[in-house]
Amino acid sequence: METSQNQQHAVCGKEAIDLLNCVAQSPFDQEKCLSLLQALRQCAIDKKVKKFSLAEQTREQADSSGKKQL
């Protein structure tokens, strides 16, 4: 069951999405992306992030490891 806590945005999620969208844009604006990279880095420092992961990837890995044990 999902709670409101599970539905909250990921830590530094906005900064990460902004950076990813910047690198996907054409034409590529390196200065803008560098600024967004710095914003993501600062957020990670401020929030004391040790490691990022994708929720879907984590779920898939858990599912596949569960199937291997059967």
PDB file of N, CA and C in Angstrom:
ATOM      1  N   MET A   1       0.850  -1.184   0.000  1.00  0.00           N
ATOM      2  CA  MET A   1       0.000   0.000   0.000  1.00  0.00           C
ATOM      3  C   MET A   1       0.891   1.241   0.000  1.00  0.00           C
ATOM      4  N   GLU A   2       0.600   2.167  -0.887  1.00  0.00           N
ATOM      5  CA  GLU A   2       1.394   3.384  -0.963  1.00  0.00           C
ATOM      6  C   GLU A   2       0.829   4.443  -0.023  1.00  0.00           C
ATOM      7  N   THR A   3       1.722   5.099   0.682  1.00  0.00           N
ATOM      8  CA  THR A   3       1.315   6.191   1.556  1.00  0.00           C
ATOM      9  C   THR A   3       1.727   7.497   0.911  1.00  0.00           C
ATOM     10  N   SER A   4       1.345   8.587   1.533  1.00  0.00           N
ATOM     11  CA  SER A   4       1.718   9.886   0.983  1.00  0.00           C
ATOM     12  C   SER A   4       3.232  10.058   1.004  1.00  0.00           C
ATOM     13  N   GLN A   5       3.930   9.417   1.945  1.00  0.00           N
ATOM     14  CA  GLN A   5       5.387   9.498   1.985  1.00  0.00           C
ATOM     15  C   GLN A   5       5.998   8.823   0.767  1.00  0.00           C
ATOM     16  N   ASN A   6       5.441   7.698   0.330  1.00  0.00           N
ATOM     17  CA  ASN A   6       5.959   6.992  -0.834  1.00  0.00           C
ATOM     18  C   ASN A   6       5.740   7.775  -2.112  1.00  0.00           C
ATOM     19  N   GLN A   7       4.759   8.655  -2.133  1.00  0.00           N
ATOM     20  CA  GLN A   7       4.430   9.410  -3.327  1.00  0.00           C
ATOM     21  C   GLN A   7       5.166  10.747  -3.389  1.00  0.00           C
ATOM     22  N   GLN A   8       5.975  11.050  -2.384  1.00  0.00           N
ATOM     23  CA  GLN A   8       6.717  12.300  -2.392  1.00  0.00           C
ATOM     24  C   GLN A   8       7.756  12.266  -3.503  1.00  0.00           C
ATOM     25  N   HIS A   9       8.168  13.448  -3.914  1.00  0.00           N
ATOM     26  CA  HIS A   9       9.188  13.547  -4.960  1.00  0.00           C
ATOM     27  C   HIS A   9      10.519  13.049  -4.426  1.00  0.00           C
ATOM     28  N   ALA A  10      11.317  12.510  -5.311  1.00  0.00           N
ATOM     29  CA  ALA A  10      12.642  12.038  -4.949  1.00  0.00           C
ATOM     30  C   ALA A  10      13.511  13.215  -4.517  1.00  0.00           C
ATOM     31  N   VAL A  11      14.466  12.941  -3.647  1.00  0.00           N
ATOM     32  CA  VAL A  11      15.402  13.968  -3.211  1.00  0.00           C
ATOM     33  C   VAL A  11      16.161  14.475  -4.432  1.00  0.00           C
ATOM     34  N   CYS A  12      16.179  15.763  -4.631  1.00  0.00           N
ATOM     35  CA  CYS A  12      16.848  16.418  -5.764  1.00  0.00           C
ATOM     36  C   CYS A  12      16.279  15.974  -7.107  1.00  0.00           C
ATOM     37  N   GLY A  13      15.069  15.458  -7.116  1.00  0.00           N
ATOM     38  CA  GLY A  13      14.454  14.968  -8.344  1.00  0.00           C
ATOM     39  C   GLY A  13      14.275  16.043  -9.395  1.00  0.00           C
ATOM     40  N   LYS A  14      13.848  17.220  -8.984  1.00  0.00           N
ATOM     41  CA  LYS A  14      13.645  18.304  -9.951  1.00  0.00           C
ATOM     42  C   LYS A  14      14.964  18.689 -10.605  1.00  0.00           C
ATOM     43  N   GLU A  15      16.005  18.801  -9.798  1.00  0.00           N
ATOM     44  CA  GLU A  15      17.317  19.165 -10.329  1.00  0.00           C
ATOM     45  C   GLU A  15      17.841  18.100 -11.297  1.00  0.00           C
ATOM     46  N   ALA A  16      17.630  16.837 -10.956  1.00  0.00           N
ATOM     47  CA  ALA A  16      18.093  15.747 -11.819  1.00  0.00           C
ATOM     48  C   ALA A  16      17.336  15.739 -13.148  1.00  0.00           C
ATOM     49  N   ILE A  17      16.021  15.904 -13.093  1.00  0.00           N
ATOM     50  CA  ILE A  17      15.201  15.933 -14.311  1.00  0.00           C
ATOM     51  C   ILE A  17      15.575  17.122 -15.188  1.00  0.00           C
ATOM     52  N   ASP A  18      15.773  18.278 -14.560  1.00  0.00           N
ATOM     53  CA  ASP A  18      16.163  19.469 -15.331  1.00  0.00           C
ATOM     54  C   ASP A  18      17.478  19.236 -16.069  1.00  0.00           C
ATOM     55  N   LEU A  19      18.448  18.617 -15.392  1.00  0.00           N
ATOM     56  CA  LEU A  19      19.736  18.341 -16.027  1.00  0.00           C
ATOM     57  C   LEU A  19      19.590  17.329 -17.156  1.00  0.00           C
ATOM     58  N   LEU A  20      18.842  16.262 -16.926  1.00  0.00           N
ATOM     59  CA  LEU A  20      18.640  15.257 -17.968  1.00  0.00           C
ATOM     60  C   LEU A  20      17.944  15.842 -19.190  1.00  0.00           C
ATOM     61  N   ASN A  21      16.943  16.672 -18.959  1.00  0.00           N
ATOM     62  CA  ASN A  21      16.251  17.310 -20.078  1.00  0.00           C
ATOM     63  C   ASN A  21      17.178  18.265 -20.827  1.00  0.00           C
ATOM     64  N   CYS A  22      18.062  18.921 -20.112  1.00  0.00           N
ATOM     65  CA  CYS A  22      19.003  19.845 -20.755  1.00  0.00           C
ATOM     66  C   CYS A  22      19.927  19.086 -21.699  1.00  0.00           C
ATOM     67  N   VAL A  23      20.470  17.959 -21.258  1.00  0.00           N
ATOM     68  CA  VAL A  23      21.403  17.238 -22.127  1.00  0.00           C
ATOM     69  C   VAL A  23      20.697  16.595 -23.311  1.00  0.00           C
ATOM     70  N   ALA A  24      19.392  16.414 -23.210  1.00  0.00           N
ATOM     71  CA  ALA A  24      18.631  15.823 -24.315  1.00  0.00           C
ATOM     72  C   ALA A  24      18.203  16.860 -25.347  1.00  0.00           C
ATOM     73  N   GLN A  25      18.281  18.137 -24.998  1.00  0.00           N
ATOM     74  CA  GLN A  25      17.838  19.190 -25.906  1.00  0.00           C
ATOM     75  C   GLN A  25      18.791  19.376 -27.077  1.00  0.00           C
ATOM     76  N   SER A  26      18.209  19.780 -28.188  1.00  0.00           N
ATOM     77  CA  SER A  26      19.000  20.115 -29.358  1.00  0.00           C
ATOM     78  C   SER A  26      18.575  21.503 -29.821  1.00  0.00           C
ATOM     79  N   PRO A  27      19.451  22.439 -29.960  1.00  0.00           N
ATOM     80  CA  PRO A  27      20.894  22.327 -29.794  1.00  0.00           C
ATOM     81  C   PRO A  27      21.281  22.244 -28.310  1.00  0.00           C
ATOM     82  N   PHE A  28      22.420  21.627 -28.067  1.00  0.00           N
ATOM     83  CA  PHE A  28      22.943  21.438 -26.720  1.00  0.00           C
ATOM     84  C   PHE A  28      23.518  22.747 -26.202  1.00  0.00           C
ATOM     85  N   ASP A  29      23.055  23.166 -25.025  1.00  0.00           N
ATOM     86  CA  ASP A  29      23.535  24.407 -24.399  1.00  0.00           C
ATOM     87  C   ASP A  29      24.411  24.017 -23.201  1.00  0.00           C
ATOM     88  N   GLN A  30      25.690  23.913 -23.444  1.00  0.00           N
ATOM     89  CA  GLN A  30      26.621  23.436 -22.429  1.00  0.00           C
ATOM     90  C   GLN A  30      26.631  24.314 -21.184  1.00  0.00           C
ATOM     91  N   GLU A  31      26.589  25.620 -21.361  1.00  0.00           N
ATOM     92  CA  GLU A  31      26.617  26.537 -20.210  1.00  0.00           C
ATOM     93  C   GLU A  31      25.382  26.338 -19.325  1.00  0.00           C
ATOM     94  N   LYS A  32      24.218  26.194 -19.944  1.00  0.00           N
ATOM     95  CA  LYS A  32      22.984  25.973 -19.191  1.00  0.00           C
ATOM     96  C   LYS A  32      23.059  24.642 -18.440  1.00  0.00           C
ATOM     97  N   CYS A  33      23.534  23.601 -19.132  1.00  0.00           N
ATOM     98  CA  CYS A  33      23.625  22.280 -18.498  1.00  0.00           C
ATOM     99  C   CYS A  33      24.639  22.277 -17.359  1.00  0.00           C
ATOM    100  N   LEU A  34      25.724  23.000 -17.530  1.00  0.00           N
ATOM    101  CA  LEU A  34      26.723  23.094 -16.467  1.00  0.00           C
ATOM    102  C   LEU A  34      26.125  23.761 -15.233  1.00  0.00           C
ATOM    103  N   SER A  35      25.333  24.789 -15.453  1.00  0.00           N
ATOM    104  CA  SER A  35      24.654  25.463 -14.347  1.00  0.00           C
ATOM    105  C   SER A  35      23.692  24.515 -13.632  1.00  0.00           C
ATOM    106  N   LEU A  36      22.964  23.711 -14.419  1.00  0.00           N
ATOM    107  CA  LEU A  36      22.038  22.745 -13.830  1.00  0.00           C
ATOM    108  C   LEU A  36      22.782  21.627 -13.109  1.00  0.00           C
ATOM    109  N   LEU A  37      23.942  21.235 -13.611  1.00  0.00           N
ATOM    110  CA  LEU A  37      24.778  20.248 -12.942  1.00  0.00           C
ATOM    111  C   LEU A  37      25.231  20.769 -11.582  1.00  0.00           C
ATOM    112  N   GLN A  38      25.619  22.021 -11.545  1.00  0.00           N
ATOM    113  CA  GLN A  38      26.044  22.632 -10.289  1.00  0.00           C
ATOM    114  C   GLN A  38      24.883  22.705  -9.296  1.00  0.00           C
ATOM    115  N   ALA A  39      23.676  22.971  -9.792  1.00  0.00           N
ATOM    116  CA  ALA A  39      22.497  23.007  -8.920  1.00  0.00           C
ATOM    117  C   ALA A  39      22.213  21.610  -8.344  1.00  0.00           C
ATOM    118  N   LEU A  40      22.349  20.576  -9.172  1.00  0.00           N
ATOM    119  CA  LEU A  40      22.149  19.208  -8.697  1.00  0.00           C
ATOM    120  C   LEU A  40      23.212  18.842  -7.671  1.00  0.00           C
ATOM    121  N   ARG A  41      24.443  19.194  -7.935  1.00  0.00           N
ATOM    122  CA  ARG A  41      25.547  18.914  -6.994  1.00  0.00           C
ATOM    123  C   ARG A  41      25.290  19.596  -5.662  1.00  0.00           C
ATOM    124  N   GLN A  42      24.861  20.847  -5.694  1.00  0.00           N
ATOM    125  CA  GLN A  42      24.600  21.587  -4.459  1.00  0.00           C
ATOM    126  C   GLN A  42      23.446  20.951  -3.687  1.00  0.00           C
ATOM    127  N   CYS A  43      22.409  20.528  -4.395  1.00  0.00           N
ATOM    128  CA  CYS A  43      21.285  19.859  -3.745  1.00  0.00           C
ATOM    129  C   CYS A  43      21.753  18.569  -3.071  1.00  0.00           C
ATOM    130  N   ALA A  44      22.578  17.794  -3.771  1.00  0.00           N
ATOM    131  CA  ALA A  44      23.082  16.536  -3.209  1.00  0.00           C
ATOM    132  C   ALA A  44      23.910  16.797  -1.950  1.00  0.00           C
ATOM    133  N   ILE A  45      24.693  17.853  -1.968  1.00  0.00           N
ATOM    134  CA  ILE A  45      25.488  18.208  -0.790  1.00  0.00           C
ATOM    135  C   ILE A  45      24.574  18.656   0.343  1.00  0.00           C
ATOM    136  N   ASP A  46      23.619  19.537   0.027  1.00  0.00           N
ATOM    137  CA  ASP A  46      22.712  20.067   1.052  1.00  0.00           C
ATOM    138  C   ASP A  46      21.871  18.968   1.702  1.00  0.00           C
ATOM    139  N   LYS A  47      21.423  18.020   0.910  1.00  0.00           N
ATOM    140  CA  LYS A  47      20.551  16.943   1.415  1.00  0.00           C
ATOM    141  C   LYS A  47      21.343  15.714   1.866  1.00  0.00           C
ATOM    142  N   LYS A  48      22.673  15.791   1.766  1.00  0.00           N
ATOM    143  CA  LYS A  48      23.567  14.705   2.183  1.00  0.00           C
ATOM    144  C   LYS A  48      23.244  13.392   1.483  1.00  0.00           C
ATOM    145  N   VAL A  49      23.051  13.496   0.162  1.00  0.00           N
ATOM    146  CA  VAL A  49      22.761  12.318  -0.660  1.00  0.00           C
ATOM    147  C   VAL A  49      24.047  11.518  -0.830  1.00  0.00           C
ATOM    148  N   LYS A  50      23.965  10.223  -0.562  1.00  0.00           N
ATOM    149  CA  LYS A  50      25.123   9.340  -0.729  1.00  0.00           C
ATOM    150  C   LYS A  50      25.093   8.643  -2.085  1.00  0.00           C
ATOM    151  N   LYS A  51      23.881   8.281  -2.544  1.00  0.00           N
ATOM    152  CA  LYS A  51      23.768   7.543  -3.798  1.00  0.00           C
ATOM    153  C   LYS A  51      22.351   7.706  -4.341  1.00  0.00           C
ATOM    154  N   PHE A  52      22.237   7.818  -5.667  1.00  0.00           N
ATOM    155  CA  PHE A  52      20.939   7.880  -6.328  1.00  0.00           C
ATOM    156  C   PHE A  52      20.617   6.511  -6.912  1.00  0.00           C
ATOM    157  N   SER A  53      19.322   6.195  -7.010  1.00  0.00           N
ATOM    158  CA  SER A  53      18.894   4.979  -7.705  1.00  0.00           C
ATOM    159  C   SER A  53      17.500   5.221  -8.270  1.00  0.00           C
ATOM    160  N   LEU A  54      17.135   4.417  -9.244  1.00  0.00           N
ATOM    161  CA  LEU A  54      15.813   4.503  -9.840  1.00  0.00           C
ATOM    162  C   LEU A  54      14.896   3.506  -9.144  1.00  0.00           C
ATOM    163  N   ALA A  55      13.719   3.935  -8.742  1.00  0.00           N
ATOM    164  CA  ALA A  55      12.777   3.065  -8.034  1.00  0.00           C
ATOM    165  C   ALA A  55      12.401   1.863  -8.889  1.00  0.00           C
ATOM    166  N   GLU A  56      12.154   2.068 -10.183  1.00  0.00           N
ATOM    167  CA  GLU A  56      11.776   0.975 -11.073  1.00  0.00           C
ATOM    168  C   GLU A  56      12.895  -0.042 -11.182  1.00  0.00           C
ATOM    169  N   GLN A  57      14.120   0.433 -11.276  1.00  0.00           N
ATOM    170  CA  GLN A  57      15.268  -0.448 -11.390  1.00  0.00           C
ATOM    171  C   GLN A  57      15.414  -1.283 -10.114  1.00  0.00           C
ATOM    172  N   THR A  58      15.219  -0.671  -8.964  1.00  0.00           N
ATOM    173  CA  THR A  58      15.325  -1.377  -7.699  1.00  0.00           C
ATOM    174  C   THR A  58      14.263  -2.460  -7.602  1.00  0.00           C
ATOM    175  N   ARG A  59      13.033  -2.143  -8.024  1.00  0.00           N
ATOM    176  CA  ARG A  59      11.953  -3.122  -8.002  1.00  0.00           C
ATOM    177  C   ARG A  59      12.240  -4.294  -8.925  1.00  0.00           C
ATOM    178  N   GLU A  60      12.728  -4.005 -10.129  1.00  0.00           N
ATOM    179  CA  GLU A  60      13.044  -5.058 -11.097  1.00  0.00           C
ATOM    180  C   GLU A  60      14.138  -5.966 -10.567  1.00  0.00           C
ATOM    181  N   GLN A  61      15.139  -5.408  -9.924  1.00  0.00           N
ATOM    182  CA  GLN A  61      16.223  -6.211  -9.378  1.00  0.00           C
ATOM    183  C   GLN A  61      15.706  -7.102  -8.259  1.00  0.00           C
ATOM    184  N   ALA A  62      14.814  -6.579  -7.431  1.00  0.00           N
ATOM    185  CA  ALA A  62      14.235  -7.376  -6.349  1.00  0.00           C
ATOM    186  C   ALA A  62      13.377  -8.502  -6.920  1.00  0.00           C
ATOM    187  N   ASP A  63      12.607  -8.210  -7.957  1.00  0.00           N
ATOM    188  CA  ASP A  63      11.778  -9.242  -8.587  1.00  0.00           C
ATOM    189  C   ASP A  63      12.627 -10.338  -9.192  1.00  0.00           C
ATOM    190  N   SER A  64      13.672  -9.967  -9.908  1.00  0.00           N
ATOM    191  CA  SER A  64      14.505 -10.964 -10.572  1.00  0.00           C
ATOM    192  C   SER A  64      15.282 -11.797  -9.545  1.00  0.00           C
ATOM    193  N   SER A  65      15.710 -11.210  -8.455  1.00  0.00           N
ATOM    194  CA  SER A  65      16.427 -11.987  -7.444  1.00  0.00           C
ATOM    195  C   SER A  65      15.474 -12.925  -6.726  1.00  0.00           C
ATOM    196  N   GLY A  66      14.231 -12.540  -6.573  1.00  0.00           N
ATOM    197  CA  GLY A  66      13.232 -13.411  -5.970  1.00  0.00           C
ATOM    198  C   GLY A  66      12.926 -14.603  -6.846  1.00  0.00           C
ATOM    199  N   LYS A  67      12.899 -14.418  -8.163  1.00  0.00           N
ATOM    200  CA  LYS A  67      12.619 -15.513  -9.100  1.00  0.00           C
ATOM    201  C   LYS A  67      13.775 -16.502  -9.117  1.00  0.00           C
ATOM    202  N   LYS A  68      15.003 -16.014  -8.963  1.00  0.00           N
ATOM    203  CA  LYS A  68      16.166 -16.894  -8.989  1.00  0.00           C
ATOM    204  C   LYS A  68      16.192 -17.838  -7.792  1.00  0.00           C
ATOM    205  N   GLN A  69      15.600 -17.395  -6.681  1.00  0.00           N
ATOM    206  CA  GLN A  69      15.622 -18.204  -5.483  1.00  0.00           C
ATOM    207  C   GLN A  69      14.638 -19.349  -5.528  1.00  0.00           C
ATOM    208  N   LEU A  70      13.632 -19.284  -6.408  1.00  0.00           N
ATOM    209  CA  LEU A  70      12.608 -20.325  -6.466  1.00  0.00           C
ATOM    210  C   LEU A  70      13.111 -21.605  -7.034  1.00  0.00           C
TER     211      LEU A  70
END
